[in-house]
Amino acid sequence: MKPGHLPLTRAIELWTEAPRRVFGLPAVELAHGSDADLVLLDPTGEWVVDPAVFHSLGRNTPFAGAGVTGRVLATWVAGRLAHTDATFQTRLPVTAGSSE
């Protein structure tokens, strides 16, 4: 996510709204009672692409070994934490009746 390549607002639109339009999926909103599908992104996070640690079975990429900027730290699907990066520490809120 280095400046000069693609504005962050355009990247977000390409990752979210564009696929929704192409596949005819309903619009979403971040509101109380809605399913939370969220991605926490560190636009300055640097990392090296390593297909061996991909979560999918597909390992082919022209970017293997390349250093890139922009790192997904966590992903929530339907309000549930689905992925966290090994470098990201989460602290879930304490609920009534639980101990810390």
PDB file of N, CA and C in Angstrom:
ATOM      1  N   MET A   1       0.824  -1.176   0.000  1.00  0.00           N
ATOM      2  CA  MET A   1       0.000   0.000   0.000  1.00  0.00           C
ATOM      3  C   MET A   1       0.876   1.250   0.000  1.00  0.00           C
ATOM      4  N   LYS A   2       1.887   1.256  -0.828  1.00  0.00           N
ATOM      5  CA  LYS A   2       2.757   2.420  -0.895  1.00  0.00           C
ATOM      6  C   LYS A   2       2.096   3.517  -1.724  1.00  0.00           C
ATOM      7  N   PRO A   3       2.280   4.772  -1.298  1.00  0.00           N
ATOM      8  CA  PRO A   3       1.703   5.892  -2.055  1.00  0.00           C
ATOM      9  C   PRO A   3       2.176   5.885  -3.503  1.00  0.00           C
ATOM     10  N   GLY A   4       1.282   6.306  -4.392  1.00  0.00           N
ATOM     11  CA  GLY A   4       1.635   6.402  -5.800  1.00  0.00           C
ATOM     12  C   GLY A   4       1.215   5.216  -6.636  1.00  0.00           C
ATOM     13  N   HIS A   5       0.831   4.127  -6.006  1.00  0.00           N
ATOM     14  CA  HIS A   5       0.422   2.951  -6.771  1.00  0.00           C
ATOM     15  C   HIS A   5      -1.091   2.904  -6.936  1.00  0.00           C
ATOM     16  N   LEU A   6      -1.805   2.900  -5.840  1.00  0.00           N
ATOM     17  CA  LEU A   6      -3.262   2.823  -5.860  1.00  0.00           C
ATOM     18  C   LEU A   6      -3.768   3.466  -4.577  1.00  0.00           C
ATOM     19  N   PRO A   7      -4.622   4.475  -4.680  1.00  0.00           N
ATOM     20  CA  PRO A   7      -5.138   5.090  -3.450  1.00  0.00           C
ATOM     21  C   PRO A   7      -5.877   4.063  -2.594  1.00  0.00           C
ATOM     22  N   LEU A   8      -5.737   4.169  -1.282  1.00  0.00           N
ATOM     23  CA  LEU A   8      -6.358   3.213  -0.367  1.00  0.00           C
ATOM     24  C   LEU A   8      -7.867   3.128  -0.590  1.00  0.00           C
ATOM     25  N   THR A   9      -8.519   4.260  -0.822  1.00  0.00           N
ATOM     26  CA  THR A   9      -9.973   4.223  -1.043  1.00  0.00           C
ATOM     27  C   THR A   9     -10.326   3.411  -2.283  1.00  0.00           C
ATOM     28  N   ARG A  10      -9.521   3.505  -3.333  1.00  0.00           N
ATOM     29  CA  ARG A  10      -9.772   2.726  -4.556  1.00  0.00           C
ATOM     30  C   ARG A  10      -9.504   1.240  -4.306  1.00  0.00           C
ATOM     31  N   ALA A  11      -8.447   0.937  -3.564  1.00  0.00           N
ATOM     32  CA  ALA A  11      -8.145  -0.461  -3.253  1.00  0.00           C
ATOM     33  C   ALA A  11      -9.289  -1.085  -2.467  1.00  0.00           C
ATOM     34  N   ILE A  12      -9.793  -0.367  -1.480  1.00  0.00           N
ATOM     35  CA  ILE A  12     -10.912  -0.886  -0.677  1.00  0.00           C
ATOM     36  C   ILE A  12     -12.140  -1.111  -1.548  1.00  0.00           C
ATOM     37  N   GLU A  13     -12.413  -0.186  -2.451  1.00  0.00           N
ATOM     38  CA  GLU A  13     -13.556  -0.347  -3.357  1.00  0.00           C
ATOM     39  C   GLU A  13     -13.377  -1.586  -4.235  1.00  0.00           C
ATOM     40  N   LEU A  14     -12.161  -1.809  -4.734  1.00  0.00           N
ATOM     41  CA  LEU A  14     -11.899  -2.976  -5.590  1.00  0.00           C
ATOM     42  C   LEU A  14     -12.010  -4.285  -4.824  1.00  0.00           C
ATOM     43  N   TRP A  15     -11.680  -4.284  -3.537  1.00  0.00           N
ATOM     44  CA  TRP A  15     -11.729  -5.498  -2.718  1.00  0.00           C
ATOM     45  C   TRP A  15     -13.117  -5.775  -2.161  1.00  0.00           C
ATOM     46  N   THR A  16     -13.982  -4.752  -2.129  1.00  0.00           N
ATOM     47  CA  THR A  16     -15.272  -4.919  -1.453  1.00  0.00           C
ATOM     48  C   THR A  16     -16.464  -4.719  -2.375  1.00  0.00           C
ATOM     49  N   GLU A  17     -16.670  -3.504  -2.805  1.00  0.00           N
ATOM     50  CA  GLU A  17     -17.862  -3.194  -3.597  1.00  0.00           C
ATOM     51  C   GLU A  17     -17.835  -3.786  -5.005  1.00  0.00           C
ATOM     52  N   ALA A  18     -16.694  -3.760  -5.658  1.00  0.00           N
ATOM     53  CA  ALA A  18     -16.622  -4.280  -7.024  1.00  0.00           C
ATOM     54  C   ALA A  18     -17.009  -5.761  -7.105  1.00  0.00           C
ATOM     55  N   PRO A  19     -16.454  -6.642  -6.256  1.00  0.00           N
ATOM     56  CA  PRO A  19     -16.882  -8.052  -6.325  1.00  0.00           C
ATOM     57  C   PRO A  19     -18.367  -8.225  -6.011  1.00  0.00           C
ATOM     58  N   ARG A  20     -18.891  -7.418  -5.098  1.00  0.00           N
ATOM     59  CA  ARG A  20     -20.321  -7.477  -4.786  1.00  0.00           C
ATOM     60  C   ARG A  20     -21.167  -7.181  -6.008  1.00  0.00           C
ATOM     61  N   ARG A  21     -20.768  -6.148  -6.750  1.00  0.00           N
ATOM     62  CA  ARG A  21     -21.509  -5.788  -7.963  1.00  0.00           C
ATOM     63  C   ARG A  21     -21.385  -6.890  -9.015  1.00  0.00           C
ATOM     64  N   VAL A  22     -20.184  -7.396  -9.238  1.00  0.00           N
ATOM     65  CA  VAL A  22     -19.941  -8.414 -10.269  1.00  0.00           C
ATOM     66  C   VAL A  22     -20.752  -9.676 -10.001  1.00  0.00           C
ATOM     67  N   PHE A  23     -20.816 -10.101  -8.731  1.00  0.00           N
ATOM     68  CA  PHE A  23     -21.514 -11.332  -8.385  1.00  0.00           C
ATOM     69  C   PHE A  23     -22.953 -11.107  -7.942  1.00  0.00           C
ATOM     70  N   GLY A  24     -23.425  -9.878  -8.006  1.00  0.00           N
ATOM     71  CA  GLY A  24     -24.817  -9.591  -7.664  1.00  0.00           C
ATOM     72  C   GLY A  24     -25.146  -9.832  -6.200  1.00  0.00           C
ATOM     73  N   LEU A  25     -24.185  -9.613  -5.318  1.00  0.00           N
ATOM     74  CA  LEU A  25     -24.413  -9.820  -3.890  1.00  0.00           C
ATOM     75  C   LEU A  25     -25.067  -8.585  -3.273  1.00  0.00           C
ATOM     76  N   PRO A  26     -25.826  -8.776  -2.210  1.00  0.00           N
ATOM     77  CA  PRO A  26     -26.492  -7.626  -1.590  1.00  0.00           C
ATOM     78  C   PRO A  26     -25.491  -6.684  -0.922  1.00  0.00           C
ATOM     79  N   ALA A  27     -25.886  -5.434  -0.821  1.00  0.00           N
ATOM     80  CA  ALA A  27     -25.062  -4.440  -0.136  1.00  0.00           C
ATOM     81  C   ALA A  27     -24.978  -4.790   1.346  1.00  0.00           C
ATOM     82  N   VAL A  28     -23.915  -4.372   1.979  1.00  0.00           N
ATOM     83  CA  VAL A  28     -23.730  -4.615   3.407  1.00  0.00           C
ATOM     84  C   VAL A  28     -23.549  -3.281   4.113  1.00  0.00           C
ATOM     85  N   GLU A  29     -23.747  -3.327   5.414  1.00  0.00           N
ATOM     86  CA  GLU A  29     -23.523  -2.128   6.206  1.00  0.00           C
ATOM     87  C   GLU A  29     -22.952  -2.525   7.558  1.00  0.00           C
ATOM     88  N   LEU A  30     -22.227  -1.626   8.144  1.00  0.00           N
ATOM     89  CA  LEU A  30     -21.685  -1.838   9.470  1.00  0.00           C
ATOM     90  C   LEU A  30     -22.660  -1.175  10.439  1.00  0.00           C
ATOM     91  N   ALA A  31     -23.546  -1.987  10.984  1.00  0.00           N
ATOM     92  CA  ALA A  31     -24.591  -1.466  11.862  1.00  0.00           C
ATOM     93  C   ALA A  31     -24.971  -2.530  12.884  1.00  0.00           C
ATOM     94  N   HIS A  32     -25.524  -2.085  13.997  1.00  0.00           N
ATOM     95  CA  HIS A  32     -25.978  -2.997  15.039  1.00  0.00           C
ATOM     96  C   HIS A  32     -26.949  -4.016  14.448  1.00  0.00           C
ATOM     97  N   GLY A  33     -26.713  -5.293  14.703  1.00  0.00           N
ATOM     98  CA  GLY A  33     -27.581  -6.353  14.209  1.00  0.00           C
ATOM     99  C   GLY A  33     -27.174  -6.920  12.861  1.00  0.00           C
ATOM    100  N   SER A  34     -26.239  -6.260  12.175  1.00  0.00           N
ATOM    101  CA  SER A  34     -25.772  -6.758  10.884  1.00  0.00           C
ATOM    102  C   SER A  34     -24.617  -7.728  11.095  1.00  0.00           C
ATOM    103  N   ASP A  35     -24.465  -8.681  10.171  1.00  0.00           N
ATOM    104  CA  ASP A  35     -23.298  -9.558  10.218  1.00  0.00           C
ATOM    105  C   ASP A  35     -22.058  -8.701  10.006  1.00  0.00           C
ATOM    106  N   ALA A  36     -21.049  -8.917  10.810  1.00  0.00           N
ATOM    107  CA  ALA A  36     -19.817  -8.150  10.685  1.00  0.00           C
ATOM    108  C   ALA A  36     -18.805  -8.934   9.869  1.00  0.00           C
ATOM    109  N   ASP A  37     -18.577  -8.494   8.655  1.00  0.00           N
ATOM    110  CA  ASP A  37     -17.513  -9.022   7.814  1.00  0.00           C
ATOM    111  C   ASP A  37     -16.488  -7.896   7.714  1.00  0.00           C
ATOM    112  N   LEU A  38     -15.401  -8.031   8.456  1.00  0.00           N
ATOM    113  CA  LEU A  38     -14.422  -6.961   8.562  1.00  0.00           C
ATOM    114  C   LEU A  38     -13.012  -7.472   8.351  1.00  0.00           C
ATOM    115  N   VAL A  39     -12.154  -6.586   7.879  1.00  0.00           N
ATOM    116  CA  VAL A  39     -10.730  -6.873   7.747  1.00  0.00           C
ATOM    117  C   VAL A  39      -9.970  -5.736   8.406  1.00  0.00           C
ATOM    118  N   LEU A  40      -9.040  -6.078   9.277  1.00  0.00           N
ATOM    119  CA  LEU A  40      -8.162  -5.094   9.895  1.00  0.00           C
ATOM    120  C   LEU A  40      -6.843  -5.127   9.124  1.00  0.00           C
ATOM    121  N   LEU A  41      -6.512  -3.999   8.507  1.00  0.00           N
ATOM    122  CA  LEU A  41      -5.368  -3.910   7.608  1.00  0.00           C
ATOM    123  C   LEU A  41      -4.327  -2.951   8.169  1.00  0.00           C
ATOM    124  N   ASP A  42      -3.076  -3.356   8.146  1.00  0.00           N
ATOM    125  CA  ASP A  42      -1.963  -2.462   8.452  1.00  0.00           C
ATOM    126  C   ASP A  42      -1.354  -2.063   7.111  1.00  0.00           C
ATOM    127  N   PRO A  43      -1.660  -0.866   6.600  1.00  0.00           N
ATOM    128  CA  PRO A  43      -1.166  -0.489   5.275  1.00  0.00           C
ATOM    129  C   PRO A  43       0.338  -0.293   5.215  1.00  0.00           C
ATOM    130  N   THR A  44       1.007  -0.204   6.368  1.00  0.00           N
ATOM    131  CA  THR A  44       2.461  -0.034   6.384  1.00  0.00           C
ATOM    132  C   THR A  44       3.198  -1.333   6.712  1.00  0.00           C
ATOM    133  N   GLY A  45       2.470  -2.388   7.046  1.00  0.00           N
ATOM    134  CA  GLY A  45       3.086  -3.668   7.405  1.00  0.00           C
ATOM    135  C   GLY A  45       3.816  -4.287   6.230  1.00  0.00           C
ATOM    136  N   GLU A  46       5.069  -4.620   6.437  1.00  0.00           N
ATOM    137  CA  GLU A  46       5.874  -5.231   5.374  1.00  0.00           C
ATOM    138  C   GLU A  46       6.068  -6.712   5.655  1.00  0.00           C
ATOM    139  N   TRP A  47       6.057  -7.522   4.597  1.00  0.00           N
ATOM    140  CA  TRP A  47       6.236  -8.956   4.748  1.00  0.00           C
ATOM    141  C   TRP A  47       6.708  -9.544   3.426  1.00  0.00           C
ATOM    142  N   VAL A  48       7.158 -10.772   3.470  1.00  0.00           N
ATOM    143  CA  VAL A  48       7.639 -11.476   2.277  1.00  0.00           C
ATOM    144  C   VAL A  48       6.634 -12.574   1.948  1.00  0.00           C
ATOM    145  N   VAL A  49       6.194 -12.624   0.703  1.00  0.00           N
ATOM    146  CA  VAL A  49       5.213 -13.618   0.260  1.00  0.00           C
ATOM    147  C   VAL A  49       5.844 -15.007   0.317  1.00  0.00           C
ATOM    148  N   ASP A  50       5.216 -15.889   1.093  1.00  0.00           N
ATOM    149  CA  ASP A  50       5.693 -17.266   1.247  1.00  0.00           C
ATOM    150  C   ASP A  50       4.521 -18.219   1.003  1.00  0.00           C
ATOM    151  N   PRO A  51       4.426 -18.804  -0.187  1.00  0.00           N
ATOM    152  CA  PRO A  51       3.306 -19.695  -0.498  1.00  0.00           C
ATOM    153  C   PRO A  51       3.154 -20.858   0.475  1.00  0.00           C
ATOM    154  N   ALA A  52       4.210 -21.249   1.164  1.00  0.00           N
ATOM    155  CA  ALA A  52       4.138 -22.371   2.103  1.00  0.00           C
ATOM    156  C   ALA A  52       3.212 -22.082   3.274  1.00  0.00           C
ATOM    157  N   VAL A  53       2.958 -20.810   3.559  1.00  0.00           N
ATOM    158  CA  VAL A  53       2.090 -20.480   4.691  1.00  0.00           C
ATOM    159  C   VAL A  53       0.711 -19.995   4.245  1.00  0.00           C
ATOM    160  N   PHE A  54       0.406 -20.105   2.960  1.00  0.00           N
ATOM    161  CA  PHE A  54      -0.929 -19.735   2.470  1.00  0.00           C
ATOM    162  C   PHE A  54      -1.983 -20.608   3.148  1.00  0.00           C
ATOM    163  N   HIS A  55      -3.152 -20.044   3.407  1.00  0.00           N
ATOM    164  CA  HIS A  55      -4.241 -20.806   4.013  1.00  0.00           C
ATOM    165  C   HIS A  55      -5.035 -21.597   2.973  1.00  0.00           C
ATOM    166  N   SER A  56      -4.820 -21.313   1.709  1.00  0.00           N
ATOM    167  CA  SER A  56      -5.502 -22.065   0.657  1.00  0.00           C
ATOM    168  C   SER A  56      -4.577 -23.166   0.140  1.00  0.00           C
ATOM    169  N   LEU A  57      -5.125 -24.076  -0.629  1.00  0.00           N
ATOM    170  CA  LEU A  57      -4.314 -25.137  -1.211  1.00  0.00           C
ATOM    171  C   LEU A  57      -3.524 -24.638  -2.417  1.00  0.00           C
ATOM    172  N   GLY A  58      -3.973 -23.533  -3.009  1.00  0.00           N
ATOM    173  CA  GLY A  58      -3.257 -22.960  -4.144  1.00  0.00           C
ATOM    174  C   GLY A  58      -1.952 -22.328  -3.690  1.00  0.00           C
ATOM    175  N   ARG A  59      -0.862 -22.735  -4.265  1.00  0.00           N
ATOM    176  CA  ARG A  59       0.454 -22.229  -3.864  1.00  0.00           C
ATOM    177  C   ARG A  59       1.142 -21.445  -4.986  1.00  0.00           C
ATOM    178  N   ASN A  60       0.514 -21.385  -6.158  1.00  0.00           N
ATOM    179  CA  ASN A  60       1.133 -20.701  -7.286  1.00  0.00           C
ATOM    180  C   ASN A  60       0.947 -19.194  -7.162  1.00  0.00           C
ATOM    181  N   THR A  61       2.040 -18.464  -7.237  1.00  0.00           N
ATOM    182  CA  THR A  61       1.988 -17.011  -7.246  1.00  0.00           C
ATOM    183  C   THR A  61       3.260 -16.466  -7.875  1.00  0.00           C
ATOM    184  N   PRO A  62       3.127 -15.435  -8.693  1.00  0.00           N
ATOM    185  CA  PRO A  62       4.331 -14.805  -9.244  1.00  0.00           C
ATOM    186  C   PRO A  62       5.050 -13.945  -8.208  1.00  0.00           C
ATOM    187  N   PHE A  63       4.451 -13.780  -7.019  1.00  0.00           N
ATOM    188  CA  PHE A  63       5.016 -12.915  -5.989  1.00  0.00           C
ATOM    189  C   PHE A  63       5.809 -13.674  -4.924  1.00  0.00           C
ATOM    190  N   ALA A  64       5.985 -14.984  -5.075  1.00  0.00           N
ATOM    191  CA  ALA A  64       6.744 -15.768  -4.085  1.00  0.00           C
ATOM    192  C   ALA A  64       8.120 -15.156  -3.884  1.00  0.00           C
ATOM    193  N   GLY A  65       8.441 -14.897  -2.612  1.00  0.00           N
ATOM    194  CA  GLY A  65       9.732 -14.330  -2.267  1.00  0.00           C
ATOM    195  C   GLY A  65       9.807 -12.816  -2.351  1.00  0.00           C
ATOM    196  N   ALA A  66       8.755 -12.203  -2.861  1.00  0.00           N
ATOM    197  CA  ALA A  66       8.756 -10.743  -3.006  1.00  0.00           C
ATOM    198  C   ALA A  66       8.396 -10.061  -1.695  1.00  0.00           C
ATOM    199  N   GLY A  67       9.038  -8.959  -1.424  1.00  0.00           N
ATOM    200  CA  GLY A  67       8.678  -8.133  -0.283  1.00  0.00           C
ATOM    201  C   GLY A  67       7.527  -7.225  -0.681  1.00  0.00           C
ATOM    202  N   VAL A  68       6.478  -7.177   0.136  1.00  0.00           N
ATOM    203  CA  VAL A  68       5.306  -6.359  -0.166  1.00  0.00           C
ATOM    204  C   VAL A  68       4.926  -5.530   1.058  1.00  0.00           C
ATOM    205  N   THR A  69       4.159  -4.477   0.810  1.00  0.00           N
ATOM    206  CA  THR A  69       3.696  -3.599   1.878  1.00  0.00           C
ATOM    207  C   THR A  69       2.180  -3.658   1.932  1.00  0.00           C
ATOM    208  N   GLY A  70       1.643  -3.793   3.148  1.00  0.00           N
ATOM    209  CA  GLY A  70       0.210  -3.923   3.368  1.00  0.00           C
ATOM    210  C   GLY A  70      -0.067  -5.320   3.897  1.00  0.00           C
ATOM    211  N   ARG A  71      -0.528  -5.400   5.132  1.00  0.00           N
ATOM    212  CA  ARG A  71      -0.671  -6.707   5.784  1.00  0.00           C
ATOM    213  C   ARG A  71      -2.032  -6.817   6.457  1.00  0.00           C
ATOM    214  N   VAL A  72      -2.744  -7.911   6.208  1.00  0.00           N
ATOM    215  CA  VAL A  72      -4.005  -8.181   6.899  1.00  0.00           C
ATOM    216  C   VAL A  72      -3.666  -8.712   8.286  1.00  0.00           C
ATOM    217  N   LEU A  73      -4.161  -8.029   9.317  1.00  0.00           N
ATOM    218  CA  LEU A  73      -3.895  -8.441  10.690  1.00  0.00           C
ATOM    219  C   LEU A  73      -4.970  -9.362  11.242  1.00  0.00           C
ATOM    220  N   ALA A  74      -6.219  -9.131  10.848  1.00  0.00           N
ATOM    221  CA  ALA A  74      -7.318  -9.966  11.344  1.00  0.00           C
ATOM    222  C   ALA A  74      -8.497  -9.874  10.387  1.00  0.00           C
ATOM    223  N   THR A  75      -9.298 -10.938  10.372  1.00  0.00           N
ATOM    224  CA  THR A  75     -10.503 -10.990   9.539  1.00  0.00           C
ATOM    225  C   THR A  75     -11.647 -11.547  10.374  1.00  0.00           C
ATOM    226  N   TRP A  76     -12.797 -10.893  10.311  1.00  0.00           N
ATOM    227  CA  TRP A  76     -14.014 -11.368  10.959  1.00  0.00           C
ATOM    228  C   TRP A  76     -15.025 -11.691   9.880  1.00  0.00           C
ATOM    229  N   VAL A  77     -15.675 -12.839   9.997  1.00  0.00           N
ATOM    230  CA  VAL A  77     -16.719 -13.263   9.065  1.00  0.00           C
ATOM    231  C   VAL A  77     -17.972 -13.531   9.880  1.00  0.00           C
ATOM    232  N   ALA A  78     -19.055 -12.865   9.518  1.00  0.00           N
ATOM    233  CA  ALA A  78     -20.324 -12.990  10.240  1.00  0.00           C
ATOM    234  C   ALA A  78     -20.140 -12.760  11.738  1.00  0.00           C
ATOM    235  N   GLY A  79     -19.271 -11.798  12.068  1.00  0.00           N
ATOM    236  CA  GLY A  79     -19.070 -11.440  13.467  1.00  0.00           C
ATOM    237  C   GLY A  79     -18.111 -12.326  14.231  1.00  0.00           C
ATOM    238  N   ARG A  80     -17.574 -13.344  13.599  1.00  0.00           N
ATOM    239  CA  ARG A  80     -16.646 -14.258  14.284  1.00  0.00           C
ATOM    240  C   ARG A  80     -15.236 -14.062  13.747  1.00  0.00           C
ATOM    241  N   LEU A  81     -14.279 -14.045  14.665  1.00  0.00           N
ATOM    242  CA  LEU A  81     -12.882 -13.916  14.276  1.00  0.00           C
ATOM    243  C   LEU A  81     -12.476 -15.155  13.487  1.00  0.00           C
ATOM    244  N   ALA A  82     -12.090 -14.965  12.220  1.00  0.00           N
ATOM    245  CA  ALA A  82     -11.771 -16.085  11.337  1.00  0.00           C
ATOM    246  C   ALA A  82     -10.275 -16.229  11.076  1.00  0.00           C
ATOM    247  N   HIS A  83      -9.538 -15.144  11.213  1.00  0.00           N
ATOM    248  CA  HIS A  83      -8.099 -15.189  10.922  1.00  0.00           C
ATOM    249  C   HIS A  83      -7.396 -14.112  11.727  1.00  0.00           C
ATOM    250  N   THR A  84      -6.244 -14.463  12.275  1.00  0.00           N
ATOM    251  CA  THR A  84      -5.355 -13.457  12.845  1.00  0.00           C
ATOM    252  C   THR A  84      -3.952 -13.745  12.349  1.00  0.00           C
ATOM    253  N   ASP A  85      -3.244 -12.694  12.040  1.00  0.00           N
ATOM    254  CA  ASP A  85      -1.852 -12.801  11.641  1.00  0.00           C
ATOM    255  C   ASP A  85      -1.031 -13.161  12.871  1.00  0.00           C
ATOM    256  N   ALA A  86       0.030 -13.908  12.680  1.00  0.00           N
ATOM    257  CA  ALA A  86       0.869 -14.326  13.811  1.00  0.00           C
ATOM    258  C   ALA A  86       1.466 -13.138  14.546  1.00  0.00           C
ATOM    259  N   THR A  87       1.591 -12.003  13.867  1.00  0.00           N
ATOM    260  CA  THR A  87       2.179 -10.819  14.502  1.00  0.00           C
ATOM    261  C   THR A  87       1.148  -9.979  15.244  1.00  0.00           C
ATOM    262  N   PHE A  88      -0.119 -10.317  15.121  1.00  0.00           N
ATOM    263  CA  PHE A  88      -1.192  -9.513  15.700  1.00  0.00           C
ATOM    264  C   PHE A  88      -1.680 -10.124  17.007  1.00  0.00           C
ATOM    265  N   GLN A  89      -1.730  -9.319  18.043  1.00  0.00           N
ATOM    266  CA  GLN A  89      -2.226  -9.756  19.348  1.00  0.00           C
ATOM    267  C   GLN A  89      -3.644  -9.245  19.534  1.00  0.00           C
ATOM    268  N   THR A  90      -4.576 -10.126  19.857  1.00  0.00           N
ATOM    269  CA  THR A  90      -5.945  -9.694  20.123  1.00  0.00           C
ATOM    270  C   THR A  90      -6.241  -9.863  21.598  1.00  0.00           C
ATOM    271  N   ARG A  91      -7.094  -9.011  22.077  1.00  0.00           N
ATOM    272  CA  ARG A  91      -7.585  -9.153  23.442  1.00  0.00           C
ATOM    273  C   ARG A  91      -9.099  -9.017  23.348  1.00  0.00           C
ATOM    274  N   LEU A  92      -9.775 -10.118  23.497  1.00  0.00           N
ATOM    275  CA  LEU A  92     -11.221 -10.117  23.386  1.00  0.00           C
ATOM    276  C   LEU A  92     -11.819  -9.526  24.666  1.00  0.00           C
ATOM    277  N   PRO A  93     -12.949  -8.846  24.551  1.00  0.00           N
ATOM    278  CA  PRO A  93     -13.561  -8.250  25.756  1.00  0.00           C
ATOM    279  C   PRO A  93     -14.015  -9.319  26.729  1.00  0.00           C
ATOM    280  N   VAL A  94     -13.951  -8.978  28.004  1.00  0.00           N
ATOM    281  CA  VAL A  94     -14.425  -9.869  29.056  1.00  0.00           C
ATOM    282  C   VAL A  94     -15.938  -9.743  29.111  1.00  0.00           C
ATOM    283  N   THR A  95     -16.623 -10.873  29.151  1.00  0.00           N
ATOM    284  CA  THR A  95     -18.091 -10.848  29.238  1.00  0.00           C
ATOM    285  C   THR A  95     -18.529 -11.104  30.671  1.00  0.00           C
ATOM    286  N   ALA A  96     -19.749 -10.734  30.972  1.00  0.00           N
ATOM    287  CA  ALA A  96     -20.284 -10.920  32.325  1.00  0.00           C
ATOM    288  C   ALA A  96     -20.184 -12.383  32.724  1.00  0.00           C
ATOM    289  N   GLY A  97     -19.706 -12.606  33.937  1.00  0.00           N
ATOM    290  CA  GLY A  97     -19.618 -13.967  34.462  1.00  0.00           C
ATOM    291  C   GLY A  97     -18.326 -14.677  34.133  1.00  0.00           C
ATOM    292  N   SER A  98     -17.456 -14.058  33.326  1.00  0.00           N
ATOM    293  CA  SER A  98     -16.181 -14.710  33.015  1.00  0.00           C
ATOM    294  C   SER A  98     -15.079 -14.061  33.837  1.00  0.00           C
ATOM    295  N   SER A  99     -13.996 -14.770  33.998  1.00  0.00           N
ATOM    296  CA  SER A  99     -12.872 -14.204  34.739  1.00  0.00           C
ATOM    297  C   SER A  99     -11.746 -13.902  33.776  1.00  0.00           C
ATOM    298  N   GLU A 100     -10.944 -12.917  34.134  1.00  0.00           N
ATOM    299  CA  GLU A 100      -9.844 -12.514  33.264  1.00  0.00           C
ATOM    300  C   GLU A 100      -8.555 -13.179  33.667  1.00  0.00           C
TER     301      GLU A 100
END
